[in-house]
Amino acid sequence: MENQELEILFQQKIDREEKIEPKDWMPEAYRKHLIRQISQHAHSEVIGMQPEGNWITRAPSLRSKVVLLAKIQDEAGHGLYLYSAAETLGVTRDEMLNALHEERAKYSSIFNYPTLTWADIGAVGWLVDGAAIVNQVSLQRTSYGPYSRGMVRICKEESFHQRQGYEIMAHMAQGTPEQKAMAQDALNRFWWPSLMMFGPHDSDSAHSAKAMRWKIKRETNDELRQKFVDKTVQQVEVIGLTIPDPELKWNEEKGHYDFGEINWDEFYNVISGNGPCNKQRLSHHKKAHDNGAWVREAAEAYARKKQKSVAA
């Protein structure tokens, strides 16, 4: 069959809500889009361990240390699921990591901001993972089977991460005036970068139209961002903090909150590699990858030895 006929059958399959599996025919553009999106998602999970790992030795209690360790371990697992899903598309783990290290691949801009206080760990869990959940719940219905199935477990664990962060912020907001001020400061610094996580406006997004047609994405950047704002405003009010947006107000006619314009210059500056922690995050990842080379080599040697033993 000609590619044009195959593409028609492919789109019909997607329109019937049938999953695309690794051995199915797919347009090259669909495959490349998924590799870009899934690998970026995987990189974000792994790089996202760094700002939290910075607080393992400084967590204020044994309980908070244990919970933080569990969360970071979950993020490593999410990266593993996602790299494995991307590999079903014919790309290798080394190719994805090389693209990251050579700055040809991106990860979520939010992880290029520093975690200066313990309240920042709360803000990351509550806002960053909260934004991730809004995006990832719809990805459970994405058209590519391995990605869709991987997202089911990831979403369950992310909901735990979001509650962990909200608990930290709620406790600090109800604590001493100094603790509440620290929580408010963390909210002030992470609010706008959290809104940036959903990407540019739909009109400025180079990939949204195809992603929606192929049902890789089910909702647009702006729709997801609005969902996040609507659900988070009430959470902020419950714990007595204030969202740092003077233009935020309920729009009765729309049934949604109106909010101010994002600083898109900052967004593009950060994703271009010029954020507060871009160089630090990437340098740390490269160093860890290089230091772990002996582990990968030992695992490969053991696998070869076992294979020879079985063959014999």
Protein backbone atom coordinates (compact mmCIF):
# COMPACT_ATOMS: atom_id res chain seq x y z
CA MET A 1 0.00 0.00 0.00
CA GLU A 2 1.11 3.57 -0.65
CA ASN A 3 1.93 5.77 2.34
CA GLN A 4 -1.09 7.96 1.65
CA GLU A 5 -3.44 4.99 1.97
CA LEU A 6 -1.63 3.81 5.10
CA GLU A 7 -1.96 7.26 6.67
CA ILE A 8 -5.72 7.25 6.01
CA LEU A 9 -6.08 3.83 7.69
CA PHE A 10 -3.82 5.00 10.52
CA GLN A 11 -5.96 8.08 11.19
CA GLN A 12 -9.14 6.01 11.01
CA LYS A 13 -7.73 3.68 13.66
CA ILE A 14 -6.97 6.64 15.92
CA ASP A 15 -10.43 8.10 15.31
CA ARG A 16 -11.92 4.75 16.43
CA GLU A 17 -10.00 5.18 19.72
CA GLU A 18 -7.83 2.14 19.05
CA LYS A 19 -4.30 2.20 20.46
CA ILE A 20 -1.27 2.30 18.20
CA GLU A 21 1.20 -0.40 19.22
CA PRO A 22 4.96 -0.62 18.51
CA LYS A 23 4.64 -3.11 15.63
CA ASP A 24 1.83 -1.17 13.91
CA TRP A 25 2.55 0.98 10.89
CA MET A 26 2.78 4.68 11.78
CA PRO A 27 3.79 7.84 9.93
CA GLU A 28 7.40 8.82 10.51
CA ALA A 29 6.23 12.22 11.76
CA TYR A 30 4.06 10.51 14.40
CA ARG A 31 7.01 8.38 15.55
CA LYS A 32 9.35 11.38 15.74
CA HIS A 33 6.77 13.45 17.61
CA LEU A 34 6.37 10.69 20.20
CA ILE A 35 10.12 10.24 20.61
CA ARG A 36 10.52 13.97 21.20
CA GLN A 37 7.61 14.18 23.65
CA ILE A 38 8.23 10.95 25.61
CA SER A 39 11.99 11.48 25.89
CA GLN A 40 11.43 15.07 27.03
CA HIS A 41 8.99 13.73 29.62
CA ALA A 42 11.56 11.14 30.76
CA HIS A 43 14.34 13.73 30.97
CA SER A 44 12.06 15.94 33.07
CA GLU A 45 11.41 13.15 35.58
CA VAL A 46 15.12 12.42 36.00
CA ILE A 47 16.39 16.02 36.03
CA GLY A 48 13.52 16.82 38.41
CA MET A 49 15.15 14.60 41.05
CA GLN A 50 17.95 17.15 41.48
CA PRO A 51 16.16 20.10 43.15
CA GLU A 52 14.55 17.68 45.62
CA GLY A 53 17.67 15.58 46.16
CA ASN A 54 19.31 18.79 47.34
CA TRP A 55 17.11 18.61 50.47
CA ILE A 56 17.45 14.94 51.49
CA THR A 57 20.09 15.69 54.13
CA ARG A 58 18.29 18.86 55.28
CA ALA A 59 14.71 17.64 55.62
CA PRO A 60 13.34 18.92 58.97
CA SER A 61 12.27 15.53 60.36
CA LEU A 62 12.82 11.81 59.88
CA ARG A 63 9.29 11.45 58.48
CA SER A 64 9.82 14.21 55.93
CA LYS A 65 13.15 12.66 54.91
CA VAL A 66 11.57 9.23 54.36
CA VAL A 67 8.70 10.70 52.34
CA LEU A 68 11.07 12.79 50.22
CA LEU A 69 13.29 9.78 49.54
CA ALA A 70 10.25 7.76 48.45
CA LYS A 71 9.17 10.54 46.13
CA ILE A 72 12.59 10.87 44.49
CA GLN A 73 12.69 7.10 44.02
CA ASP A 74 9.30 7.30 42.29
CA GLU A 75 10.63 9.96 39.89
CA ALA A 76 13.52 7.67 38.92
CA GLY A 77 10.97 4.94 38.20
CA HIS A 78 8.90 7.30 36.07
CA GLY A 79 11.98 8.09 34.00
CA LEU A 80 12.58 4.36 33.54
CA TYR A 81 8.99 3.69 32.39
CA LEU A 82 9.16 6.56 29.92
CA TYR A 83 12.59 5.77 28.47
CA SER A 84 11.36 2.18 28.01
CA ALA A 85 8.22 3.41 26.24
CA ALA A 86 10.31 5.60 23.92
CA GLU A 87 12.61 2.67 23.12
CA THR A 88 9.65 0.80 21.61
CA LEU A 89 9.72 3.46 18.87
CA GLY A 90 13.20 2.43 17.73
CA VAL A 91 15.33 4.97 19.60
CA THR A 92 17.99 3.80 22.07
CA ARG A 93 18.55 5.03 25.62
CA ASP A 94 22.02 6.25 24.63
CA GLU A 95 20.60 8.27 21.74
CA MET A 96 18.13 9.99 24.05
CA LEU A 97 20.74 10.76 26.69
CA ASN A 98 23.21 12.03 24.10
CA ALA A 99 20.55 14.39 22.76
CA LEU A 100 19.99 15.68 26.31
CA HIS A 101 23.69 16.13 27.04
CA GLU A 102 24.26 17.89 23.72
CA GLU A 103 21.28 20.18 24.48
CA ARG A 104 19.36 18.96 21.44
CA ALA A 105 16.60 17.61 23.72
CA LYS A 106 14.68 19.61 26.32
CA TYR A 107 13.17 18.93 29.72
CA SER A 108 10.56 20.89 31.67
CA SER A 109 11.64 24.49 32.25
CA ILE A 110 10.45 24.38 35.89
CA PHE A 111 13.44 22.30 36.98
CA ASN A 112 15.83 25.11 36.12
CA TYR A 113 14.71 27.07 39.18
CA PRO A 114 16.46 26.60 42.56
CA THR A 115 14.88 25.17 45.71
CA LEU A 116 16.10 27.69 48.29
CA THR A 117 14.04 26.66 51.33
CA TRP A 118 12.09 23.67 52.64
CA ALA A 119 8.93 25.49 51.57
CA ASP A 120 10.19 25.24 47.98
CA ILE A 121 10.01 21.45 48.29
CA GLY A 122 6.37 21.89 49.25
CA ALA A 123 5.78 24.21 46.30
CA VAL A 124 7.43 21.74 43.91
CA GLY A 125 5.27 18.88 45.15
CA TRP A 126 2.07 20.88 45.23
CA LEU A 127 2.36 23.12 42.17
CA VAL A 128 4.82 21.34 39.88
CA ASP A 129 3.46 17.84 40.41
CA GLY A 130 -0.04 19.28 40.51
CA ALA A 131 0.52 20.79 37.05
CA ALA A 132 2.03 17.49 35.90
CA ILE A 133 -1.07 15.59 37.05
CA VAL A 134 -3.38 17.90 35.09
CA ASN A 135 -1.35 17.19 31.97
CA GLN A 136 -0.72 13.50 32.59
CA VAL A 137 -4.27 12.44 33.45
CA SER A 138 -5.24 13.16 29.85
CA LEU A 139 -2.11 11.33 28.65
CA GLN A 140 -3.56 8.12 30.08
CA ARG A 141 -5.78 8.27 26.97
CA THR A 142 -3.00 9.11 24.53
CA SER A 143 -3.11 7.16 21.27
CA TYR A 144 0.21 5.33 21.69
CA GLY A 145 -0.29 2.19 23.77
CA PRO A 146 3.00 1.93 25.72
CA TYR A 147 2.88 5.62 26.65
CA SER A 148 -0.77 5.41 27.68
CA ARG A 149 -0.24 2.35 29.90
CA GLY A 150 2.88 3.81 31.52
CA MET A 151 0.96 6.94 32.48
CA VAL A 152 -1.57 5.00 34.57
CA ARG A 153 0.92 4.14 37.30
CA ILE A 154 2.76 7.46 36.98
CA CYS A 155 -0.46 9.40 37.62
CA LYS A 156 -1.22 7.38 40.76
CA GLU A 157 2.21 8.16 42.17
CA GLU A 158 2.11 11.81 41.12
CA SER A 159 -1.11 12.27 43.08
CA PHE A 160 0.79 11.16 46.19
CA HIS A 161 3.55 13.65 45.37
CA GLN A 162 1.04 16.47 45.03
CA ARG A 163 -0.52 15.70 48.41
CA GLN A 164 2.93 15.52 50.02
CA GLY A 165 3.77 19.01 48.75
CA TYR A 166 0.42 20.45 49.76
CA GLU A 167 0.83 19.04 53.27
CA ILE A 168 4.19 20.80 53.64
CA MET A 169 2.73 24.12 52.48
CA ALA A 170 -0.39 23.77 54.65
CA HIS A 171 1.67 23.07 57.79
CA MET A 172 3.98 26.00 57.13
CA ALA A 173 1.09 28.34 56.33
CA GLN A 174 -0.47 27.46 59.71
CA GLY A 175 2.83 27.75 61.60
CA THR A 176 4.75 30.76 62.85
CA PRO A 177 4.62 34.09 60.96
CA GLU A 178 8.12 33.32 59.66
CA GLN A 179 7.03 29.90 58.38
CA LYS A 180 3.96 31.33 56.69
CA ALA A 181 6.10 34.02 55.06
CA MET A 182 8.43 31.30 53.79
CA ALA A 183 5.50 29.39 52.30
CA GLN A 184 4.16 32.55 50.63
CA ASP A 185 7.60 33.33 49.22
CA ALA A 186 7.84 29.84 47.71
CA LEU A 187 4.37 30.26 46.17
CA ASN A 188 5.37 33.65 44.77
CA ARG A 189 8.45 32.23 43.06
CA PHE A 190 6.96 28.98 41.72
CA TRP A 191 3.50 30.13 40.64
CA TRP A 192 4.38 31.63 37.26
CA PRO A 193 7.00 29.00 36.30
CA SER A 194 4.34 26.36 37.08
CA LEU A 195 1.98 27.98 34.57
CA MET A 196 4.81 27.97 32.03
CA MET A 197 5.04 24.17 32.35
CA PHE A 198 2.09 23.76 30.00
CA GLY A 199 4.04 25.35 27.18
CA PRO A 200 3.30 28.36 24.95
CA HIS A 201 -0.16 29.54 23.95
CA ASP A 202 -1.85 27.21 21.49
CA SER A 203 -1.44 29.80 18.72
CA ASP A 204 2.34 29.78 19.28
CA SER A 205 2.82 26.01 19.70
CA ALA A 206 4.52 24.31 16.77
CA HIS A 207 3.38 20.81 17.71
CA SER A 208 -0.11 21.14 19.22
CA ALA A 209 -2.19 20.81 16.04
CA LYS A 210 -0.66 17.48 14.99
CA ALA A 211 -0.62 16.16 18.53
CA MET A 212 -4.34 16.85 18.85
CA ARG A 213 -5.18 15.30 15.46
CA TRP A 214 -3.22 12.15 16.30
CA LYS A 215 -4.70 12.17 19.81
CA ILE A 216 -1.27 12.11 21.37
CA LYS A 217 -2.63 15.06 23.34
CA ARG A 218 -6.29 15.26 24.28
CA GLU A 219 -6.36 18.85 25.50
CA THR A 220 -4.47 21.94 24.37
CA ASN A 221 -1.83 23.81 26.37
CA ASP A 222 -4.23 26.63 27.22
CA GLU A 223 -7.04 24.28 28.23
CA LEU A 224 -4.74 22.39 30.59
CA ARG A 225 -3.32 25.61 32.05
CA GLN A 226 -6.85 26.87 32.75
CA LYS A 227 -7.75 23.61 34.50
CA PHE A 228 -4.71 23.93 36.73
CA VAL A 229 -5.51 27.53 37.70
CA ASP A 230 -9.16 26.75 38.42
CA LYS A 231 -8.41 23.88 40.79
CA THR A 232 -5.38 25.46 42.48
CA VAL A 233 -6.94 28.81 43.43
CA GLN A 234 -9.29 27.15 45.90
CA GLN A 235 -6.44 25.11 47.41
CA VAL A 236 -4.50 28.32 48.00
CA GLU A 237 -7.48 29.93 49.73
CA VAL A 238 -7.95 26.96 52.08
CA ILE A 239 -4.47 27.33 53.58
CA GLY A 240 -4.58 31.12 53.73
CA LEU A 241 -1.97 32.05 51.14
CA THR A 242 -2.27 34.47 48.21
CA ILE A 243 -1.59 33.84 44.54
CA PRO A 244 0.85 36.49 43.26
CA ASP A 245 -1.40 37.72 40.46
CA PRO A 246 -3.35 40.98 40.90
CA GLU A 247 -5.36 40.20 37.76
CA LEU A 248 -6.68 36.90 39.08
CA LYS A 249 -10.48 36.95 39.39
CA TRP A 250 -13.46 34.67 38.87
CA ASN A 251 -15.24 35.12 35.53
CA GLU A 252 -18.87 34.19 36.08
CA GLU A 253 -19.69 34.23 32.39
CA LYS A 254 -16.88 31.83 31.44
CA GLY A 255 -17.06 29.74 34.59
CA HIS A 256 -13.28 30.01 34.96
CA TYR A 257 -10.70 32.23 36.59
CA ASP A 258 -9.13 35.00 34.54
CA PHE A 259 -5.42 35.44 35.22
CA GLY A 260 -2.57 37.70 34.18
CA GLU A 261 -0.24 37.27 31.22
CA ILE A 262 2.77 35.01 31.62
CA ASN A 263 6.24 36.47 31.12
CA TRP A 264 7.00 34.60 27.90
CA ASP A 265 10.41 36.25 27.56
CA GLU A 266 11.43 34.48 30.77
CA PHE A 267 9.98 31.19 29.52
CA TYR A 268 11.90 31.24 26.23
CA ASN A 269 15.06 32.41 27.98
CA VAL A 270 14.92 29.41 30.35
CA ILE A 271 14.20 26.79 27.67
CA SER A 272 17.05 28.29 25.62
CA GLY A 273 19.44 27.28 28.40
CA ASN A 274 19.75 30.58 30.25
CA GLY A 275 17.69 29.89 33.39
CA PRO A 276 19.03 30.11 36.95
CA CYS A 277 20.08 26.42 37.08
CA ASN A 278 20.27 25.15 33.48
CA LYS A 279 24.04 24.69 33.44
CA GLN A 280 24.08 23.19 36.95
CA ARG A 281 21.34 20.65 36.20
CA LEU A 282 22.91 19.43 32.98
CA SER A 283 26.45 19.35 34.38
CA HIS A 284 25.29 17.28 37.36
CA HIS A 285 23.45 14.82 35.10
CA LYS A 286 26.48 14.38 32.83
CA LYS A 287 28.77 13.80 35.81
CA ALA A 288 26.42 11.20 37.33
CA HIS A 289 26.09 9.48 33.95
CA ASP A 290 29.86 9.32 33.48
CA ASN A 291 30.45 8.11 37.04
CA GLY A 292 27.94 5.32 36.50
CA ALA A 293 29.61 3.99 33.35
CA TRP A 294 31.27 1.12 35.25
CA VAL A 295 27.89 -0.09 36.51
CA ARG A 296 26.48 -0.25 32.99
CA GLU A 297 29.61 -1.99 31.71
CA ALA A 298 29.48 -4.56 34.54
CA ALA A 299 25.78 -5.23 33.88
CA GLU A 300 26.44 -5.76 30.17
CA ALA A 301 29.39 -8.09 30.91
CA TYR A 302 27.25 -10.13 33.29
CA ALA A 303 24.45 -10.35 30.71
CA ARG A 304 26.90 -11.61 28.06
CA LYS A 305 28.35 -14.16 30.46
CA LYS A 306 24.89 -15.42 31.41
CA GLN A 307 23.86 -15.63 27.77
CA LYS A 308 26.93 -17.75 26.95
CA SER A 309 26.20 -19.99 29.93
CA VAL A 310 22.60 -20.57 28.80
CA ALA A 311 23.75 -21.26 25.23
CA ALA A 312 26.31 -23.78 26.48
